[in-house]
Amino acid sequence: HWHGFFQRRGEQRDGEYYLEQRHMDGSGRIGYVFGGNAEGGTFWYHS
């Protein structure tokens, strides 16, 4: 769950597993891409 980030095309990865998130592939990994023009501030992620 993200705090402080604006979710652009990423809101499907910010919620309850099986309710809001897509299923992971068999690798057990999820990748995130952060743009270089990100807004400033305080941000954090927790699960």
PDB file of N, CA and C in Angstrom:
ATOM      1  N   HIS A   1       0.843  -1.168   0.000  1.00  0.00           N
ATOM      2  CA  HIS A   1       0.000   0.000   0.000  1.00  0.00           C
ATOM      3  C   HIS A   1       0.892   1.236   0.000  1.00  0.00           C
ATOM      4  N   TRP A   2       0.617   2.148  -0.900  1.00  0.00           N
ATOM      5  CA  TRP A   2       1.442   3.346  -1.074  1.00  0.00           C
ATOM      6  C   TRP A   2       0.850   4.541  -0.332  1.00  0.00           C
ATOM      7  N   HIS A   3       1.709   5.393   0.174  1.00  0.00           N
ATOM      8  CA  HIS A   3       1.299   6.662   0.782  1.00  0.00           C
ATOM      9  C   HIS A   3       2.077   7.790   0.122  1.00  0.00           C
ATOM     10  N   GLY A   4       1.377   8.821  -0.347  1.00  0.00           N
ATOM     11  CA  GLY A   4       2.029  10.000  -0.890  1.00  0.00           C
ATOM     12  C   GLY A   4       2.271   9.988  -2.379  1.00  0.00           C
ATOM     13  N   PHE A   5       2.260   8.820  -2.998  1.00  0.00           N
ATOM     14  CA  PHE A   5       2.485   8.726  -4.437  1.00  0.00           C
ATOM     15  C   PHE A   5       1.176   8.924  -5.185  1.00  0.00           C
ATOM     16  N   PHE A   6       1.226   9.636  -6.291  1.00  0.00           N
ATOM     17  CA  PHE A   6       0.084   9.693  -7.186  1.00  0.00           C
ATOM     18  C   PHE A   6       0.107   8.424  -8.027  1.00  0.00           C
ATOM     19  N   GLN A   7      -0.960   7.673  -8.014  1.00  0.00           N
ATOM     20  CA  GLN A   7      -1.032   6.417  -8.760  1.00  0.00           C
ATOM     21  C   GLN A   7      -1.479   6.696 -10.186  1.00  0.00           C
ATOM     22  N   ARG A   8      -0.571   6.574 -11.106  1.00  0.00           N
ATOM     23  CA  ARG A   8      -0.886   6.723 -12.525  1.00  0.00           C
ATOM     24  C   ARG A   8      -0.743   5.358 -13.177  1.00  0.00           C
ATOM     25  N   ARG A   9      -1.854   4.780 -13.572  1.00  0.00           N
ATOM     26  CA  ARG A   9      -1.876   3.441 -14.173  1.00  0.00           C
ATOM     27  C   ARG A   9      -1.300   2.402 -13.228  1.00  0.00           C
ATOM     28  N   GLY A  10      -1.306   2.645 -11.922  1.00  0.00           N
ATOM     29  CA  GLY A  10      -0.752   1.682 -10.983  1.00  0.00           C
ATOM     30  C   GLY A  10      -1.676   1.347  -9.835  1.00  0.00           C
ATOM     31  N   GLU A  11      -2.895   1.873  -9.855  1.00  0.00           N
ATOM     32  CA  GLU A  11      -3.799   1.641  -8.736  1.00  0.00           C
ATOM     33  C   GLU A  11      -4.186   0.172  -8.579  1.00  0.00           C
ATOM     34  N   GLN A  12      -4.033  -0.641  -9.629  1.00  0.00           N
ATOM     35  CA  GLN A  12      -4.352  -2.056  -9.504  1.00  0.00           C
ATOM     36  C   GLN A  12      -3.359  -2.780  -8.604  1.00  0.00           C
ATOM     37  N   ARG A  13      -2.270  -2.148  -8.236  1.00  0.00           N
ATOM     38  CA  ARG A  13      -1.276  -2.763  -7.351  1.00  0.00           C
ATOM     39  C   ARG A  13      -1.305  -2.137  -5.958  1.00  0.00           C
ATOM     40  N   ASP A  14      -2.400  -1.533  -5.595  1.00  0.00           N
ATOM     41  CA  ASP A  14      -2.458  -0.845  -4.310  1.00  0.00           C
ATOM     42  C   ASP A  14      -3.716  -1.253  -3.548  1.00  0.00           C
ATOM     43  N   GLY A  15      -3.791  -2.511  -3.171  1.00  0.00           N
ATOM     44  CA  GLY A  15      -4.971  -2.943  -2.443  1.00  0.00           C
ATOM     45  C   GLY A  15      -4.894  -4.394  -2.018  1.00  0.00           C
ATOM     46  N   GLU A  16      -6.038  -4.924  -1.712  1.00  0.00           N
ATOM     47  CA  GLU A  16      -6.139  -6.300  -1.233  1.00  0.00           C
ATOM     48  C   GLU A  16      -5.805  -7.286  -2.347  1.00  0.00           C
ATOM     49  N   TYR A  17      -4.964  -8.249  -2.028  1.00  0.00           N
ATOM     50  CA  TYR A  17      -4.630  -9.296  -2.983  1.00  0.00           C
ATOM     51  C   TYR A  17      -5.901 -10.065  -3.319  1.00  0.00           C
ATOM     52  N   TYR A  18      -6.093 -10.389  -4.535  1.00  0.00           N
ATOM     53  CA  TYR A  18      -7.258 -11.072  -5.103  1.00  0.00           C
ATOM     54  C   TYR A  18      -8.478 -10.171  -5.245  1.00  0.00           C
ATOM     55  N   LEU A  19      -8.493  -8.996  -4.638  1.00  0.00           N
ATOM     56  CA  LEU A  19      -9.613  -8.077  -4.806  1.00  0.00           C
ATOM     57  C   LEU A  19      -9.259  -6.937  -5.744  1.00  0.00           C
ATOM     58  N   GLU A  20      -8.108  -6.295  -5.509  1.00  0.00           N
ATOM     59  CA  GLU A  20      -7.707  -5.150  -6.319  1.00  0.00           C
ATOM     60  C   GLU A  20      -6.432  -5.388  -7.100  1.00  0.00           C
ATOM     61  N   GLN A  21      -5.594  -6.324  -6.649  1.00  0.00           N
ATOM     62  CA  GLN A  21      -4.326  -6.568  -7.328  1.00  0.00           C
ATOM     63  C   GLN A  21      -4.465  -7.651  -8.373  1.00  0.00           C
ATOM     64  N   ARG A  22      -3.654  -7.558  -9.405  1.00  0.00           N
ATOM     65  CA  ARG A  22      -3.551  -8.638 -10.381  1.00  0.00           C
ATOM     66  C   ARG A  22      -2.730  -9.767  -9.769  1.00  0.00           C
ATOM     67  N   HIS A  23      -2.910 -10.954 -10.305  1.00  0.00           N
ATOM     68  CA  HIS A  23      -2.145 -12.099  -9.815  1.00  0.00           C
ATOM     69  C   HIS A  23      -0.692 -11.998 -10.263  1.00  0.00           C
ATOM     70  N   MET A  24       0.207 -12.462  -9.409  1.00  0.00           N
ATOM     71  CA  MET A  24       1.624 -12.484  -9.754  1.00  0.00           C
ATOM     72  C   MET A  24       1.890 -13.663 -10.681  1.00  0.00           C
ATOM     73  N   ASP A  25       2.941 -13.534 -11.480  1.00  0.00           N
ATOM     74  CA  ASP A  25       3.346 -14.671 -12.294  1.00  0.00           C
ATOM     75  C   ASP A  25       4.118 -15.657 -11.415  1.00  0.00           C
ATOM     76  N   GLY A  26       4.582 -16.725 -11.968  1.00  0.00           N
ATOM     77  CA  GLY A  26       5.253 -17.761 -11.202  1.00  0.00           C
ATOM     78  C   GLY A  26       6.586 -17.370 -10.595  1.00  0.00           C
ATOM     79  N   SER A  27       7.146 -16.216 -10.973  1.00  0.00           N
ATOM     80  CA  SER A  27       8.458 -15.815 -10.456  1.00  0.00           C
ATOM     81  C   SER A  27       8.391 -15.324  -9.018  1.00  0.00           C
ATOM     82  N   GLY A  28       7.211 -14.905  -8.555  1.00  0.00           N
ATOM     83  CA  GLY A  28       7.086 -14.370  -7.203  1.00  0.00           C
ATOM     84  C   GLY A  28       7.587 -12.947  -7.076  1.00  0.00           C
ATOM     85  N   ARG A  29       7.769 -12.252  -8.187  1.00  0.00           N
ATOM     86  CA  ARG A  29       8.289 -10.883  -8.173  1.00  0.00           C
ATOM     87  C   ARG A  29       7.295  -9.918  -8.799  1.00  0.00           C
ATOM     88  N   ILE A  30       7.306  -8.687  -8.294  1.00  0.00           N
ATOM     89  CA  ILE A  30       6.505  -7.604  -8.865  1.00  0.00           C
ATOM     90  C   ILE A  30       7.449  -6.439  -9.110  1.00  0.00           C
ATOM     91  N   GLY A  31       7.410  -5.879 -10.304  1.00  0.00           N
ATOM     92  CA  GLY A  31       8.269  -4.741 -10.623  1.00  0.00           C
ATOM     93  C   GLY A  31       7.501  -3.434 -10.603  1.00  0.00           C
ATOM     94  N   TYR A  32       8.163  -2.379 -10.177  1.00  0.00           N
ATOM     95  CA  TYR A  32       7.597  -1.039 -10.178  1.00  0.00           C
ATOM     96  C   TYR A  32       8.536  -0.119 -10.935  1.00  0.00           C
ATOM     97  N   VAL A  33       7.988   0.808 -11.682  1.00  0.00           N
ATOM     98  CA  VAL A  33       8.780   1.775 -12.433  1.00  0.00           C
ATOM     99  C   VAL A  33       8.459   3.161 -11.898  1.00  0.00           C
ATOM    100  N   PHE A  34       9.496   3.911 -11.529  1.00  0.00           N
ATOM    101  CA  PHE A  34       9.340   5.266 -11.031  1.00  0.00           C
ATOM    102  C   PHE A  34       9.932   6.225 -12.047  1.00  0.00           C
ATOM    103  N   GLY A  35       9.158   7.212 -12.460  1.00  0.00           N
ATOM    104  CA  GLY A  35       9.624   8.177 -13.444  1.00  0.00           C
ATOM    105  C   GLY A  35      10.595   9.185 -12.850  1.00  0.00           C
ATOM    106  N   GLY A  36      11.414   9.764 -13.714  1.00  0.00           N
ATOM    107  CA  GLY A  36      12.391  10.748 -13.279  1.00  0.00           C
ATOM    108  C   GLY A  36      11.792  12.097 -12.937  1.00  0.00           C
ATOM    109  N   ASN A  37      10.555  12.337 -13.344  1.00  0.00           N
ATOM    110  CA  ASN A  37       9.908  13.615 -13.059  1.00  0.00           C
ATOM    111  C   ASN A  37       8.906  13.481 -11.919  1.00  0.00           C
ATOM    112  N   ALA A  38       9.236  12.685 -10.929  1.00  0.00           N
ATOM    113  CA  ALA A  38       8.321  12.440  -9.808  1.00  0.00           C
ATOM    114  C   ALA A  38       8.157  13.695  -8.955  1.00  0.00           C
ATOM    115  N   GLU A  39       6.995  13.797  -8.355  1.00  0.00           N
ATOM    116  CA  GLU A  39       6.715  14.920  -7.472  1.00  0.00           C
ATOM    117  C   GLU A  39       7.507  14.779  -6.170  1.00  0.00           C
ATOM    118  N   GLY A  40       7.809  15.886  -5.538  1.00  0.00           N
ATOM    119  CA  GLY A  40       8.567  15.866  -4.293  1.00  0.00           C
ATOM    120  C   GLY A  40       7.657  15.651  -3.097  1.00  0.00           C
ATOM    121  N   GLY A  41       8.220  15.186  -1.999  1.00  0.00           N
ATOM    122  CA  GLY A  41       7.436  15.004  -0.785  1.00  0.00           C
ATOM    123  C   GLY A  41       7.907  13.803   0.007  1.00  0.00           C
ATOM    124  N   THR A  42       7.074  13.370   0.928  1.00  0.00           N
ATOM    125  CA  THR A  42       7.360  12.209   1.757  1.00  0.00           C
ATOM    126  C   THR A  42       6.502  11.052   1.275  1.00  0.00           C
ATOM    127  N   PHE A  43       7.126   9.919   1.018  1.00  0.00           N
ATOM    128  CA  PHE A  43       6.429   8.770   0.461  1.00  0.00           C
ATOM    129  C   PHE A  43       6.877   7.512   1.185  1.00  0.00           C
ATOM    130  N   TRP A  44       5.976   6.534   1.300  1.00  0.00           N
ATOM    131  CA  TRP A  44       6.385   5.240   1.818  1.00  0.00           C
ATOM    132  C   TRP A  44       5.426   4.167   1.347  1.00  0.00           C
ATOM    133  N   TYR A  45       5.889   2.930   1.467  1.00  0.00           N
ATOM    134  CA  TYR A  45       5.122   1.759   1.071  1.00  0.00           C
ATOM    135  C   TYR A  45       5.108   0.788   2.235  1.00  0.00           C
ATOM    136  N   HIS A  46       3.987   0.153   2.455  1.00  0.00           N
ATOM    137  CA  HIS A  46       3.930  -0.937   3.430  1.00  0.00           C
ATOM    138  C   HIS A  46       2.986  -2.005   2.916  1.00  0.00           C
ATOM    139  N   SER A  47       3.150  -3.198   3.428  1.00  0.00           N
ATOM    140  CA  SER A  47       2.275  -4.298   2.998  1.00  0.00           C
ATOM    141  C   SER A  47       1.546  -4.885   4.180  1.00  0.00           C
TER     142      SER A  47
END
